Amino acid sequence: MKKLTLKEINLPVTIFKEGKSYVAYSPALDLSTCASTYKKAQTNFSEIVGIFIEELVEMGTLDVVLRELGWQKIKSNWQPPVVVSNYFQPMNLSYA
């Protein structure tokens, strides 16, 4: 198996509460996980990212998937999409 070395990156992750669970989600990888505590959700997310990247490398699809997710390869290093804004959008919803 090919060894992959990644540089440290800052990945945008949102953690929100859903019932009694904490959900960690990153739009940069379209990946999420959950846990019963905030800290465990952070830990689980780090683990799942490692597994996700490892699987992409093993399947030979890392470049394709990251490009589809909006990542850019700059000087042989992958960079996630830049978060421009994160806000709450007030909306009026009509439904029958």
N, C-alpha and C. Protein backbone atom coordinates (compact mmCIF):
# COMPACT_ATOMS: atom_id res chain seq x y z
N MET A 1 0.84 -1.18 0.00
CA MET A 1 0.00 0.00 0.00
C MET A 1 0.88 1.24 0.00
N LYS A 2 0.49 2.22 -0.78
CA LYS A 2 1.22 3.48 -0.88
C LYS A 2 1.07 4.28 0.40
N LYS A 3 2.18 4.78 0.92
CA LYS A 3 2.17 5.61 2.13
C LYS A 3 1.84 7.04 1.72
N LEU A 4 0.90 7.64 2.44
CA LEU A 4 0.48 9.01 2.16
C LEU A 4 0.83 9.88 3.34
N THR A 5 1.52 10.96 3.06
CA THR A 5 1.83 11.93 4.10
C THR A 5 1.08 13.21 3.79
N LEU A 6 0.30 13.66 4.74
CA LEU A 6 -0.45 14.90 4.56
C LEU A 6 0.09 15.95 5.50
N LYS A 7 0.13 17.16 5.02
CA LYS A 7 0.49 18.28 5.87
C LYS A 7 -0.71 18.61 6.74
N GLU A 8 -0.45 19.29 7.82
CA GLU A 8 -1.55 19.71 8.69
C GLU A 8 -2.39 20.75 7.96
N ILE A 9 -3.70 20.57 8.01
CA ILE A 9 -4.61 21.53 7.40
C ILE A 9 -5.64 21.96 8.43
N ASN A 10 -6.23 23.10 8.21
CA ASN A 10 -7.33 23.57 9.04
C ASN A 10 -8.62 23.26 8.31
N LEU A 11 -9.36 22.32 8.85
CA LEU A 11 -10.59 21.86 8.23
C LEU A 11 -11.78 22.51 8.92
N PRO A 12 -12.68 23.14 8.17
CA PRO A 12 -13.85 23.74 8.82
C PRO A 12 -14.80 22.63 9.31
N VAL A 13 -15.10 22.65 10.60
CA VAL A 13 -15.99 21.65 11.20
C VAL A 13 -17.04 22.39 12.03
N THR A 14 -18.28 22.01 11.86
CA THR A 14 -19.37 22.55 12.66
C THR A 14 -19.87 21.45 13.58
N ILE A 15 -20.04 21.78 14.85
CA ILE A 15 -20.60 20.82 15.80
C ILE A 15 -21.91 21.40 16.31
N PHE A 16 -22.97 20.61 16.15
CA PHE A 16 -24.28 21.06 16.62
C PHE A 16 -24.95 19.96 17.44
N LYS A 17 -25.91 20.36 18.22
CA LYS A 17 -26.61 19.43 19.08
C LYS A 17 -27.88 18.97 18.38
N GLU A 18 -28.10 17.67 18.38
CA GLU A 18 -29.30 17.08 17.80
C GLU A 18 -29.87 16.11 18.83
N GLY A 19 -30.89 16.54 19.54
CA GLY A 19 -31.40 15.74 20.65
C GLY A 19 -30.34 15.68 21.75
N LYS A 20 -29.96 14.47 22.13
CA LYS A 20 -28.93 14.30 23.16
C LYS A 20 -27.55 14.07 22.55
N SER A 21 -27.46 14.09 21.22
CA SER A 21 -26.19 13.82 20.54
C SER A 21 -25.55 15.10 20.02
N TYR A 22 -24.24 15.05 19.88
CA TYR A 22 -23.47 16.12 19.24
C TYR A 22 -23.03 15.60 17.88
N VAL A 23 -23.29 16.39 16.84
CA VAL A 23 -22.96 16.01 15.48
C VAL A 23 -21.84 16.91 14.98
N ALA A 24 -20.76 16.30 14.50
CA ALA A 24 -19.65 17.04 13.91
C ALA A 24 -19.74 16.86 12.39
N TYR A 25 -19.73 17.97 11.66
CA TYR A 25 -19.89 17.93 10.21
C TYR A 25 -18.92 18.90 9.54
N SER A 26 -18.32 18.44 8.45
CA SER A 26 -17.47 19.32 7.65
C SER A 26 -17.96 19.32 6.20
N PRO A 27 -18.39 20.49 5.70
CA PRO A 27 -18.79 20.56 4.30
C PRO A 27 -17.60 20.35 3.35
N ALA A 28 -16.39 20.58 3.83
CA ALA A 28 -15.20 20.42 2.99
C ALA A 28 -14.99 18.96 2.58
N LEU A 29 -15.51 18.03 3.39
CA LEU A 29 -15.42 16.61 3.06
C LEU A 29 -16.80 15.97 2.95
N ASP A 30 -17.84 16.75 3.19
CA ASP A 30 -19.22 16.24 3.25
C ASP A 30 -19.26 14.98 4.12
N LEU A 31 -18.70 15.13 5.32
CA LEU A 31 -18.52 14.00 6.23
C LEU A 31 -19.01 14.40 7.61
N SER A 32 -19.68 13.46 8.29
CA SER A 32 -20.16 13.76 9.63
C SER A 32 -20.07 12.53 10.52
N THR A 33 -20.13 12.78 11.81
CA THR A 33 -20.18 11.72 12.82
C THR A 33 -20.88 12.30 14.04
N CYS A 34 -21.22 11.45 14.99
CA CYS A 34 -21.89 11.95 16.19
C CYS A 34 -21.42 11.19 17.42
N ALA A 35 -21.73 11.77 18.58
CA ALA A 35 -21.36 11.16 19.86
C ALA A 35 -22.23 11.77 20.95
N SER A 36 -22.13 11.20 22.13
CA SER A 36 -22.94 11.69 23.25
C SER A 36 -22.35 12.92 23.92
N THR A 37 -21.07 13.24 23.63
CA THR A 37 -20.45 14.44 24.19
C THR A 37 -19.77 15.24 23.08
N TYR A 38 -19.58 16.52 23.35
CA TYR A 38 -18.91 17.41 22.41
C TYR A 38 -17.49 16.91 22.12
N LYS A 39 -16.76 16.60 23.17
CA LYS A 39 -15.36 16.16 23.04
C LYS A 39 -15.27 14.86 22.24
N LYS A 40 -16.18 13.91 22.51
CA LYS A 40 -16.16 12.64 21.79
C LYS A 40 -16.51 12.85 20.32
N ALA A 41 -17.39 13.80 20.04
CA ALA A 41 -17.72 14.11 18.64
C ALA A 41 -16.48 14.63 17.91
N GLN A 42 -15.68 15.46 18.60
CA GLN A 42 -14.42 15.95 18.01
C GLN A 42 -13.47 14.79 17.75
N THR A 43 -13.32 13.91 18.73
CA THR A 43 -12.42 12.76 18.60
C THR A 43 -12.89 11.85 17.47
N ASN A 44 -14.19 11.54 17.45
CA ASN A 44 -14.73 10.69 16.40
C ASN A 44 -14.51 11.29 15.02
N PHE A 45 -14.66 12.62 14.93
CA PHE A 45 -14.49 13.27 13.63
C PHE A 45 -13.05 13.13 13.14
N SER A 46 -12.09 13.33 14.03
CA SER A 46 -10.68 13.16 13.64
C SER A 46 -10.42 11.75 13.15
N GLU A 47 -10.99 10.77 13.84
CA GLU A 47 -10.79 9.37 13.45
C GLU A 47 -11.43 9.08 12.10
N ILE A 48 -12.66 9.57 11.88
CA ILE A 48 -13.36 9.27 10.64
C ILE A 48 -12.69 9.94 9.44
N VAL A 49 -12.11 11.11 9.64
CA VAL A 49 -11.38 11.76 8.55
C VAL A 49 -10.18 10.90 8.14
N GLY A 50 -9.46 10.38 9.12
CA GLY A 50 -8.32 9.50 8.82
C GLY A 50 -8.74 8.27 8.04
N ILE A 51 -9.84 7.65 8.46
CA ILE A 51 -10.35 6.46 7.77
C ILE A 51 -10.80 6.82 6.36
N PHE A 52 -11.50 7.94 6.22
CA PHE A 52 -12.00 8.40 4.92
C PHE A 52 -10.85 8.60 3.93
N ILE A 53 -9.83 9.33 4.36
CA ILE A 53 -8.67 9.60 3.49
C ILE A 53 -7.95 8.29 3.15
N GLU A 54 -7.77 7.43 4.14
CA GLU A 54 -7.10 6.14 3.92
C GLU A 54 -7.85 5.32 2.87
N GLU A 55 -9.17 5.28 2.96
CA GLU A 55 -9.97 4.52 1.99
C GLU A 55 -9.86 5.12 0.59
N LEU A 56 -9.87 6.44 0.49
CA LEU A 56 -9.73 7.08 -0.82
C LEU A 56 -8.38 6.74 -1.45
N VAL A 57 -7.34 6.74 -0.63
CA VAL A 57 -6.00 6.40 -1.13
C VAL A 57 -5.98 4.95 -1.61
N GLU A 58 -6.53 4.04 -0.81
CA GLU A 58 -6.54 2.62 -1.18
C GLU A 58 -7.32 2.38 -2.47
N MET A 59 -8.40 3.13 -2.69
CA MET A 59 -9.20 2.98 -3.91
C MET A 59 -8.61 3.75 -5.09
N GLY A 60 -7.61 4.60 -4.82
CA GLY A 60 -7.00 5.39 -5.89
C GLY A 60 -7.87 6.54 -6.36
N THR A 61 -8.77 7.01 -5.48
CA THR A 61 -9.71 8.06 -5.88
C THR A 61 -9.53 9.36 -5.10
N LEU A 62 -8.45 9.50 -4.36
CA LEU A 62 -8.25 10.69 -3.53
C LEU A 62 -8.33 11.98 -4.35
N ASP A 63 -7.56 12.07 -5.42
CA ASP A 63 -7.54 13.29 -6.23
C ASP A 63 -8.92 13.62 -6.79
N VAL A 64 -9.60 12.62 -7.33
CA VAL A 64 -10.91 12.83 -7.94
C VAL A 64 -11.92 13.33 -6.91
N VAL A 65 -11.99 12.66 -5.76
CA VAL A 65 -12.97 13.02 -4.74
C VAL A 65 -12.70 14.41 -4.17
N LEU A 66 -11.44 14.70 -3.86
CA LEU A 66 -11.14 16.02 -3.30
C LEU A 66 -11.45 17.13 -4.30
N ARG A 67 -11.14 16.91 -5.57
CA ARG A 67 -11.48 17.92 -6.59
C ARG A 67 -13.00 18.11 -6.67
N GLU A 68 -13.76 17.01 -6.62
CA GLU A 68 -15.23 17.10 -6.67
C GLU A 68 -15.78 17.86 -5.47
N LEU A 69 -15.07 17.81 -4.35
CA LEU A 69 -15.49 18.52 -3.14
C LEU A 69 -15.00 19.97 -3.11
N GLY A 70 -14.33 20.41 -4.18
CA GLY A 70 -13.90 21.80 -4.27
C GLY A 70 -12.51 22.08 -3.73
N TRP A 71 -11.74 21.03 -3.41
CA TRP A 71 -10.37 21.22 -2.93
C TRP A 71 -9.48 21.61 -4.10
N GLN A 72 -8.38 22.30 -3.80
CA GLN A 72 -7.39 22.67 -4.81
C GLN A 72 -6.03 22.13 -4.41
N LYS A 73 -5.29 21.67 -5.41
CA LYS A 73 -3.93 21.20 -5.16
C LYS A 73 -2.98 22.34 -5.49
N ILE A 74 -2.31 22.85 -4.46
CA ILE A 74 -1.39 23.97 -4.61
C ILE A 74 0.00 23.50 -4.21
N LYS A 75 0.91 23.51 -5.18
CA LYS A 75 2.29 23.05 -4.94
C LYS A 75 2.29 21.68 -4.26
N SER A 76 1.56 20.74 -4.82
CA SER A 76 1.43 19.35 -4.37
C SER A 76 0.78 19.18 -3.00
N ASN A 77 0.19 20.23 -2.45
CA ASN A 77 -0.54 20.14 -1.19
C ASN A 77 -2.01 20.44 -1.43
N TRP A 78 -2.88 19.61 -0.87
CA TRP A 78 -4.31 19.83 -0.99
C TRP A 78 -4.78 20.88 0.00
N GLN A 79 -5.63 21.79 -0.49
CA GLN A 79 -6.21 22.85 0.34
C GLN A 79 -7.74 22.76 0.25
N PRO A 80 -8.43 22.75 1.39
CA PRO A 80 -9.90 22.69 1.35
C PRO A 80 -10.48 24.01 0.88
N PRO A 81 -11.75 24.00 0.47
CA PRO A 81 -12.40 25.25 0.09
C PRO A 81 -12.38 26.23 1.26
N VAL A 82 -12.27 27.49 0.94
CA VAL A 82 -12.22 28.53 1.97
C VAL A 82 -13.65 28.89 2.39
N VAL A 83 -13.90 28.87 3.69
CA VAL A 83 -15.21 29.27 4.20
C VAL A 83 -15.28 30.79 4.16
N VAL A 84 -16.27 31.31 3.46
CA VAL A 84 -16.45 32.75 3.33
C VAL A 84 -17.36 33.28 4.43
N SER A 85 -18.37 32.49 4.78
CA SER A 85 -19.33 32.95 5.78
C SER A 85 -20.05 31.76 6.40
N ASN A 86 -20.46 31.95 7.62
CA ASN A 86 -21.28 30.97 8.31
C ASN A 86 -22.24 31.78 9.18
N TYR A 87 -23.52 31.73 8.87
CA TYR A 87 -24.47 32.58 9.57
C TYR A 87 -25.83 31.90 9.64
N PHE A 88 -26.74 32.49 10.40
CA PHE A 88 -28.12 32.03 10.47
C PHE A 88 -28.95 32.90 9.54
N GLN A 89 -29.69 32.27 8.64
CA GLN A 89 -30.52 32.97 7.66
C GLN A 89 -31.97 32.95 8.13
N PRO A 90 -32.54 34.11 8.48
CA PRO A 90 -33.96 34.13 8.84
C PRO A 90 -34.81 33.83 7.61
N MET A 91 -35.81 32.99 7.79
CA MET A 91 -36.66 32.61 6.66
C MET A 91 -38.10 32.49 7.11
N ASN A 92 -39.01 32.81 6.22
CA ASN A 92 -40.43 32.56 6.43
C ASN A 92 -40.83 31.41 5.52
N LEU A 93 -41.27 30.32 6.10
CA LEU A 93 -41.63 29.15 5.32
C LEU A 93 -43.14 29.00 5.27
N SER A 94 -43.65 28.78 4.07
CA SER A 94 -45.07 28.52 3.89
C SER A 94 -45.25 27.05 3.54
N TYR A 95 -46.20 26.43 4.18
CA TYR A 95 -46.48 25.04 3.86
C TYR A 95 -47.95 24.75 4.12
N ALA A 96 -48.44 23.73 3.44
CA ALA A 96 -49.87 23.40 3.57
C ALA A 96 -50.08 22.33 4.61
